[in-house]
Protein backbone atom coordinates (compact mmCIF):
# COMPACT_ATOMS: atom_id res chain seq x y z
CA MET A 1 0.00 0.00 0.00
CA ARG A 2 1.03 3.60 -0.60
CA PHE A 3 0.45 6.45 1.86
CA GLN A 4 -0.45 10.10 1.57
CA VAL A 5 -0.95 13.03 3.92
CA LEU A 6 -3.87 15.28 2.97
CA ASP A 7 -4.28 18.80 4.35
CA ILE A 8 -7.50 20.57 3.33
CA VAL A 9 -6.20 23.47 5.47
CA PHE A 10 -9.21 23.72 7.73
CA ASN A 11 -8.72 26.53 10.24
CA PRO A 12 -11.60 26.72 12.73
CA PRO A 13 -10.68 27.78 16.27
CA HIS A 14 -9.54 25.35 18.92
CA PRO A 15 -12.66 23.57 20.25
CA VAL A 16 -11.63 24.03 23.89
CA THR A 17 -9.69 27.31 24.07
CA GLY A 18 -11.44 29.11 21.21
CA GLU A 19 -8.09 30.31 19.90
CA ALA A 20 -7.48 30.34 16.17
CA VAL A 21 -4.17 29.56 14.52
CA PRO A 22 -2.95 32.69 12.69
CA PRO A 23 -3.24 32.16 8.92
CA ALA A 24 0.48 32.71 8.36
CA ASP A 25 1.30 30.00 10.91
CA ARG A 26 -1.34 27.64 9.55
CA LEU A 27 -0.05 27.94 6.00
CA ALA A 28 3.55 27.55 7.14
CA ARG A 29 2.56 24.31 8.87
CA VAL A 30 1.39 22.90 5.54
CA VAL A 31 4.88 23.32 4.14
CA GLU A 32 6.57 22.07 7.31
CA THR A 33 4.40 18.96 7.41
CA ALA A 34 5.08 18.16 3.75
CA VAL A 35 8.83 18.44 4.37
CA LEU A 36 8.54 16.12 7.37
CA ALA A 37 6.40 13.67 5.40
CA GLU A 38 9.10 13.51 2.75
CA GLN A 39 11.79 12.92 5.37
CA LEU A 40 9.72 10.09 6.86
CA GLY A 41 9.27 8.37 3.51
CA ILE A 42 5.55 9.06 3.06
CA ASP A 43 4.76 8.68 -0.65
CA ALA A 44 2.58 11.73 -1.31
CA PHE A 45 1.31 15.00 0.10
CA ALA A 46 -1.99 16.50 -1.06
CA VAL A 47 -3.51 19.95 -0.59
CA GLY A 48 -7.26 20.59 -0.60
CA GLU A 49 -9.23 23.40 -2.21
CA ARG A 50 -12.22 25.28 -0.83
CA HIS A 51 -13.61 28.74 -1.41
CA ALA A 52 -16.01 29.06 1.52
CA GLY A 53 -16.01 28.26 5.21
CA GLU A 54 -13.19 28.26 7.76
CA VAL A 55 -10.63 26.96 5.29
CA LEU A 56 -7.40 28.48 3.93
CA SER A 57 -6.98 26.42 0.76
CA SER A 58 -8.54 28.88 -1.67
CA SER A 59 -5.21 29.08 -3.57
CA PRO A 60 -3.94 25.49 -3.68
CA THR A 61 -1.55 26.08 -6.56
CA VAL A 62 0.26 28.75 -4.55
CA LEU A 63 0.68 26.23 -1.72
CA LEU A 64 1.80 23.53 -4.13
CA GLY A 65 4.37 25.91 -5.57
CA ALA A 66 5.79 26.38 -2.09
CA LEU A 67 5.80 22.60 -1.61
CA ALA A 68 7.52 22.03 -4.94
CA ALA A 69 10.27 24.45 -3.90
CA SER A 70 10.63 22.94 -0.42
CA THR A 71 10.70 19.24 -1.34
CA SER A 72 12.56 17.13 -3.86
CA ARG A 73 11.21 13.56 -3.72
CA ILE A 74 7.63 13.35 -2.44
CA LEU A 75 4.75 13.21 -4.91
CA LEU A 76 2.46 16.26 -4.84
CA SER A 77 -1.29 16.00 -5.28
CA THR A 78 -4.65 17.62 -4.54
CA GLY A 79 -7.69 16.63 -2.55
CA VAL A 80 -9.63 17.79 -4.45
CA THR A 81 -9.13 20.25 -7.26
CA VAL A 82 -12.69 21.62 -7.46
CA LEU A 83 -12.80 21.44 -11.23
CA SER A 84 -16.51 22.25 -11.45
CA LEU A 85 -15.66 25.79 -10.32
CA LEU A 86 -12.60 26.41 -12.43
CA ASP A 87 -11.60 27.48 -15.92
CA PRO A 88 -9.81 24.49 -17.51
CA ILE A 89 -7.41 26.86 -19.28
CA ARG A 90 -6.17 28.20 -15.93
CA VAL A 91 -6.11 24.72 -14.41
CA ALA A 92 -3.94 23.44 -17.26
CA GLU A 93 -1.59 26.41 -16.97
CA ASP A 94 -1.35 26.43 -13.17
CA TYR A 95 -0.88 22.70 -12.65
CA ALA A 96 1.54 22.31 -15.54
CA THR A 97 3.58 25.02 -13.83
CA ILE A 98 3.56 22.95 -10.62
CA ASP A 99 4.48 19.89 -12.66
CA GLN A 100 7.46 21.75 -14.10
CA LEU A 101 8.54 23.25 -10.76
CA SER A 102 8.45 19.81 -9.13
CA ARG A 103 10.14 18.23 -12.16
CA GLY A 104 7.40 15.74 -12.78
CA ARG A 105 6.14 14.94 -9.26
CA LEU A 106 2.48 15.89 -9.75
CA GLU A 107 -0.87 14.12 -9.97
CA ILE A 108 -4.23 15.69 -9.17
CA VAL A 109 -7.59 14.53 -7.85
CA ILE A 110 -10.59 16.33 -9.33
CA GLY A 111 -14.16 16.66 -8.10
CA LYS A 112 -17.15 18.93 -7.62
CA GLY A 113 -16.19 19.71 -4.00
CA ASN A 114 -18.20 19.25 -0.81
CA GLU A 115 -18.98 22.91 -0.10
CA ALA A 116 -22.23 24.15 -1.65
CA LEU A 117 -21.55 27.79 -0.73
CA GLN A 118 -18.72 27.94 -3.26
CA TYR A 119 -21.07 27.95 -6.23
CA PRO A 120 -23.08 31.14 -5.59
CA LEU A 121 -19.89 32.82 -4.36
CA LEU A 122 -18.34 32.28 -7.78
CA GLY A 123 -21.53 32.96 -9.71
CA LEU A 124 -22.17 29.35 -10.71
CA ASP A 125 -25.31 27.22 -10.60
CA LEU A 126 -25.08 24.47 -7.98
CA ASP A 127 -27.62 22.40 -9.91
CA LYS A 128 -25.14 22.19 -12.81
CA GLN A 129 -22.13 21.07 -10.76
CA TYR A 130 -21.91 17.69 -12.48
CA GLU A 131 -22.33 19.22 -15.94
CA TYR A 132 -19.47 21.61 -15.15
CA LEU A 133 -17.34 18.77 -13.84
CA GLU A 134 -17.70 16.56 -16.91
CA GLU A 135 -17.19 19.33 -19.44
CA ASN A 136 -14.24 20.86 -17.61
CA TYR A 137 -12.61 17.46 -17.18
CA GLU A 138 -12.91 16.64 -20.86
CA LEU A 139 -11.46 20.01 -21.87
CA LEU A 140 -8.66 19.81 -19.29
CA SER A 141 -7.67 16.38 -20.59
CA LEU A 142 -7.46 17.74 -24.12
CA LEU A 143 -5.42 20.76 -23.10
CA LEU A 144 -2.90 18.62 -21.21
CA SER A 145 -2.47 16.09 -24.00
CA ARG A 146 -2.66 18.25 -27.14
CA GLU A 147 -1.72 21.58 -28.64
CA ASP A 148 -3.89 23.67 -30.98
CA VAL A 149 -7.06 22.46 -29.30
CA GLU A 150 -10.42 23.00 -30.98
CA TRP A 151 -13.33 22.98 -28.54
CA VAL A 152 -17.05 23.63 -28.53
CA GLY A 153 -18.81 23.26 -25.18
CA ARG A 154 -21.90 24.36 -23.29
CA HIS A 155 -20.51 26.38 -20.39
CA ARG A 156 -17.60 28.39 -21.79
CA PRO A 157 -16.67 30.15 -25.04
CA ASP A 158 -15.40 27.99 -27.90
CA LEU A 159 -11.67 27.51 -28.37
CA HIS A 160 -9.79 27.58 -31.66
CA GLY A 161 -6.13 26.62 -31.86
CA ALA A 162 -5.66 26.86 -28.09
CA THR A 163 -2.33 25.78 -26.59
CA THR A 164 -1.66 26.21 -22.88
CA LEU A 165 1.82 26.92 -21.57
CA PRO A 166 3.85 25.64 -19.96
CA ARG A 167 3.28 22.12 -21.20
CA PRO A 168 3.36 19.36 -18.56
CA PHE A 169 6.81 18.16 -17.54
CA SER A 170 6.67 14.82 -19.35
CA GLY A 171 3.30 14.37 -20.95
CA PRO A 172 -0.08 14.68 -19.22
CA PHE A 173 0.00 14.07 -15.48
CA ARG A 174 -2.44 11.51 -14.11
CA ILE A 175 -5.89 12.64 -13.03
CA TRP A 176 -7.77 10.85 -10.26
CA HIS A 177 -11.45 11.39 -9.43
CA GLY A 178 -12.70 12.09 -5.92
CA SER A 179 -15.68 9.98 -4.89
CA ALA A 180 -17.95 10.68 -1.91
CA THR A 181 -21.69 10.47 -2.45
CA SER A 182 -22.68 9.99 -6.09
CA GLN A 183 -22.29 7.52 -8.91
CA PHE A 184 -21.43 10.33 -11.30
CA ALA A 185 -17.79 10.68 -10.27
CA VAL A 186 -17.02 6.96 -10.34
CA ASP A 187 -18.79 6.55 -13.68
CA LEU A 188 -16.78 9.43 -15.16
CA ALA A 189 -13.53 7.91 -13.89
CA ALA A 190 -14.42 4.45 -15.15
CA LYS A 191 -15.42 5.76 -18.57
CA HIS A 192 -12.00 7.34 -19.06
CA GLY A 193 -9.91 4.66 -17.33
CA ASP A 194 -8.81 6.91 -14.46
CA PRO A 195 -8.29 5.96 -10.78
CA ILE A 196 -10.49 7.15 -7.90
CA VAL A 197 -10.06 8.27 -4.31
CA SER A 198 -12.94 7.52 -1.94
CA ALA A 199 -13.50 10.21 0.67
CA ASN A 200 -14.17 7.60 3.38
CA ALA A 201 -14.54 10.32 5.99
CA LEU A 202 -18.07 10.95 7.18
CA GLN A 203 -20.28 8.01 6.24
CA SER A 204 -20.48 4.31 6.91
CA ARG A 205 -18.17 1.90 5.13
CA GLU A 206 -21.07 0.45 3.14
CA ASN A 207 -21.91 3.81 1.53
CA TYR A 208 -18.40 4.13 0.13
CA GLN A 209 -17.98 0.49 -0.78
CA VAL A 210 -20.99 0.47 -3.09
CA LEU A 211 -19.39 3.28 -5.12
CA ILE A 212 -15.99 1.57 -5.21
CA ASP A 213 -17.62 -1.67 -6.37
CA ARG A 214 -19.54 0.20 -9.06
CA TYR A 215 -16.33 1.87 -10.23
CA ARG A 216 -14.60 -1.46 -10.74
CA GLU A 217 -17.63 -2.90 -12.55
CA GLN A 218 -17.89 0.08 -14.89
CA TYR A 219 -14.13 0.23 -15.42
CA ALA A 220 -14.16 -3.39 -16.58
CA ALA A 221 -17.25 -2.81 -18.74
CA HIS A 222 -15.40 -0.05 -20.60
CA GLY A 223 -12.56 -2.48 -21.36
CA HIS A 224 -9.73 -0.61 -19.66
CA ASP A 225 -6.54 -2.28 -18.44
CA PRO A 226 -7.35 -3.54 -14.91
CA ALA A 227 -3.74 -2.93 -13.87
CA TYR A 228 -4.56 0.78 -13.63
CA ALA A 229 -7.86 0.63 -11.75
CA PHE A 230 -6.23 2.10 -8.67
CA VAL A 231 -8.33 3.06 -5.65
CA GLY A 232 -7.42 5.43 -2.85
CA SER A 233 -9.17 5.88 0.48
CA GLY A 234 -9.37 8.78 2.88
CA SER A 235 -9.95 8.49 6.61
CA GLY A 236 -11.80 10.21 9.41
CA GLY A 237 -8.72 11.77 10.99
CA LEU A 238 -5.50 10.31 12.41
CA PHE A 239 -4.52 10.34 16.08
CA LEU A 240 -2.13 7.96 17.84
CA ALA A 241 -1.31 7.21 21.46
CA ASP A 242 0.29 4.29 23.28
CA THR A 243 -3.11 2.66 23.83
CA THR A 244 -6.43 3.01 22.04
CA GLU A 245 -8.06 4.06 25.32
CA GLN A 246 -5.57 6.88 25.72
CA ALA A 247 -6.07 7.97 22.10
CA ILE A 248 -9.85 8.13 22.49
CA ALA A 249 -9.61 10.11 25.73
CA GLN A 250 -7.08 12.58 24.32
CA TYR A 251 -8.83 13.05 20.97
CA ARG A 252 -12.36 13.34 22.38
CA PRO A 253 -12.45 17.17 22.73
CA PHE A 254 -11.16 17.65 19.20
CA TYR A 255 -13.67 15.23 17.70
CA GLU A 256 -16.62 16.56 19.70
CA GLY A 257 -15.60 20.11 18.80
CA ALA A 258 -15.58 19.24 15.10
CA VAL A 259 -19.05 17.68 15.35
CA ALA A 260 -20.38 20.75 17.16
CA ARG A 261 -18.86 22.98 14.48
CA GLN A 262 -20.60 20.98 11.77
CA ASP A 263 -23.90 21.32 13.61
CA LEU A 264 -23.65 25.11 13.42
CA ARG A 265 -24.09 24.90 9.65
CA LYS A 266 -27.55 23.31 10.10
CA HIS A 267 -27.26 21.18 6.99
CA ASP A 268 -30.37 19.50 5.64
CA PRO A 269 -30.56 16.14 7.48
CA ALA A 270 -31.21 14.50 4.11
CA ALA A 271 -27.97 15.89 2.67
CA VAL A 272 -25.68 12.86 2.55
CA GLY A 273 -21.99 13.36 3.20
CA LYS A 274 -22.17 16.86 4.64
CA VAL A 275 -21.85 15.93 8.32
CA THR A 276 -20.49 12.89 10.08
CA SER A 277 -22.70 9.87 10.64
CA PHE A 278 -20.83 9.19 13.90
CA ARG A 279 -21.79 11.55 16.70
CA THR A 280 -19.35 10.28 19.32
CA ILE A 281 -15.68 9.44 19.21
CA GLU A 282 -16.52 5.90 20.32
CA GLU A 283 -18.80 5.44 17.31
CA ALA A 284 -16.21 6.92 14.96
CA VAL A 285 -13.52 4.57 16.24
CA GLU A 286 -15.70 1.47 16.47
CA ARG A 287 -17.81 1.80 13.31
CA GLY A 288 -16.47 4.77 11.39
CA PRO A 289 -13.32 5.60 9.41
CA ALA A 290 -11.48 7.50 12.18
CA LEU A 291 -7.90 6.23 12.59
CA VAL A 292 -7.71 6.88 16.32
CA GLY A 293 -5.93 4.42 18.57
CA SER A 294 -2.66 2.67 19.23
CA PRO A 295 -0.40 2.15 16.20
CA GLU A 296 -1.30 -1.53 16.18
CA ARG A 297 -5.04 -0.83 16.29
CA VAL A 298 -4.81 1.76 13.52
CA ALA A 299 -2.87 -0.67 11.32
CA GLU A 300 -5.50 -3.33 11.99
CA LYS A 301 -8.25 -0.91 11.02
CA ILE A 302 -6.59 0.07 7.74
CA LEU A 303 -6.22 -3.61 6.90
CA ASP A 304 -9.84 -4.26 7.87
CA TYR A 305 -11.02 -1.52 5.51
CA HIS A 306 -8.68 -2.86 2.84
CA ALA A 307 -10.53 -6.17 3.02
CA SER A 308 -13.61 -4.22 1.85
CA TYR A 309 -12.12 -1.60 -0.47
CA ARG A 310 -8.95 -3.35 -1.73
CA HIS A 311 -7.44 0.10 -1.98
CA ASP A 312 -3.90 0.90 -3.08
CA LEU A 313 -3.53 4.29 -1.40
CA GLN A 314 -4.33 5.31 2.18
CA SER A 315 -4.67 9.04 2.83
CA VAL A 316 -4.52 10.47 6.36
CA SER A 317 -5.08 13.89 7.88
CA ILE A 318 -3.91 15.30 11.21
CA ASN A 319 -5.92 17.82 13.21
CA HIS A 320 -4.39 21.27 12.83
CA VAL A 321 -5.20 22.45 16.37
CA LEU A 322 -2.81 19.97 17.94
CA GLU A 323 0.44 21.58 19.01
CA PRO A 324 2.92 21.44 16.10
CA ALA A 325 5.24 19.10 18.00
CA HIS A 326 2.29 16.80 18.69
CA GLN A 327 1.29 16.83 15.02
CA ASP A 328 4.83 15.87 14.09
CA ASP A 329 4.87 13.09 16.67
CA VAL A 330 1.63 11.60 15.32
CA LEU A 331 2.96 11.65 11.77
CA ARG A 332 6.31 10.21 12.82
CA ARG A 333 4.69 7.37 14.74
CA PHE A 334 2.38 6.69 11.81
CA ALA A 335 5.32 6.44 9.40
CA GLU A 336 7.48 4.37 11.72
CA GLU A 337 4.96 2.16 13.51
CA VAL A 338 1.83 1.88 11.34
CA VAL A 339 3.04 2.01 7.74
CA PRO A 340 5.43 -0.98 8.05
CA LEU A 341 2.68 -3.17 9.53
CA VAL A 342 0.33 -2.38 6.65
CA LYS A 343 2.96 -2.63 3.92
CA ALA A 344 3.91 -6.08 5.16
CA GLU A 345 0.37 -7.25 4.35
CA VAL A 346 -0.65 -5.21 1.28
CA LYS A 347 1.29 -4.86 -1.96
CA THR A 348 0.50 -2.59 -4.89
CA ASP A 349 2.06 -1.54 -8.18
CA LEU A 350 0.88 2.06 -7.76
CA TRP A 351 3.79 4.46 -8.38
CA GLY A 352 6.22 1.55 -8.51
CA PRO A 353 8.37 0.50 -11.49
CA ALA A 354 5.49 -1.56 -12.94
CA ASP A 355 3.21 1.51 -13.03
CA ALA A 356 3.97 2.90 -16.48
CA ARG A 357 1.64 5.86 -15.87
CA ARG A 358 3.42 7.06 -12.73
CA PRO A 359 4.81 10.61 -12.68
CA ALA A 360 8.09 11.02 -14.52
CA GLY A 361 9.77 12.47 -11.43
CA PHE A 362 8.56 9.99 -8.82
CA THR A 363 8.96 6.28 -8.21
CA ALA A 364 7.79 4.84 -4.89
CA VAL A 365 10.27 2.86 -2.81
CA ASP A 366 9.11 -0.33 -1.09
């Protein structure tokens, strides 16, 4: 299995003290954590993107530029690039620039995003989010793979002889599709032979598994090479302690604070995937995707989920309100005590020598 750290750059205040991390410090921590992840041998580091709410990832390409300049080996990615909101011309230009700066260490994960407030903010129709996603994906793919592109679409002006610069470092970088609540994303990925990343963050395992299973069925139906039907999985937060009991006790205020923060939004109860299905930390640890416990218990849980998902990539996120030294300790213990236990049981060709579609500047080390 491969491993990734994802930072969506949430920045709500501390649930106990009410103190907020200054934006400059929060953004600096993204870079510091990516550097540490590289030192620890984590395969990839991903940055989120949101344009509403208590989040600081409105300019993910700026952050990725800083990461490209501060690292030399780790793969860089996104989680997700909210392609429904974006102009594919700018996406092609911006991410090819990151690809060049990192010398071929880039892949991206695209999606419609999980923040409805972004659409009116940017003057777009929420009801057309899937239309935007499909059209923008198809145009982005053309722009990355060809020059002098001719294009006629529904939601943007036509293009004639369009070539975006810079070109990608070594041909088009791989595009993954984020999957959370709908069949649309997995069907789009399967149609084009792309991999997927399941959010696996807020809902029950069964809700995500049905989409992963559909992806594999549709991927096969389209006749694509099964060797490249890679699947990634997120998680409901990572927190480690010497014992699972200690981890639950220590993480409780952070988890309960996050749940209370979600409740303030007053989402429609019928809106799937907007708030957690697990109201208590005990539920999240016992039945949900939270990776909270001893290193051994967390490794067991990843392997248990792998029995359902058969995923190649495990993504983890660390709560930003922990003290920086504590964040580093959790990541270090994960890399040194959890990753080896999982890798001993699960093998994958993703990003290895057998993966001919891997980024030109990155090959994973087993």
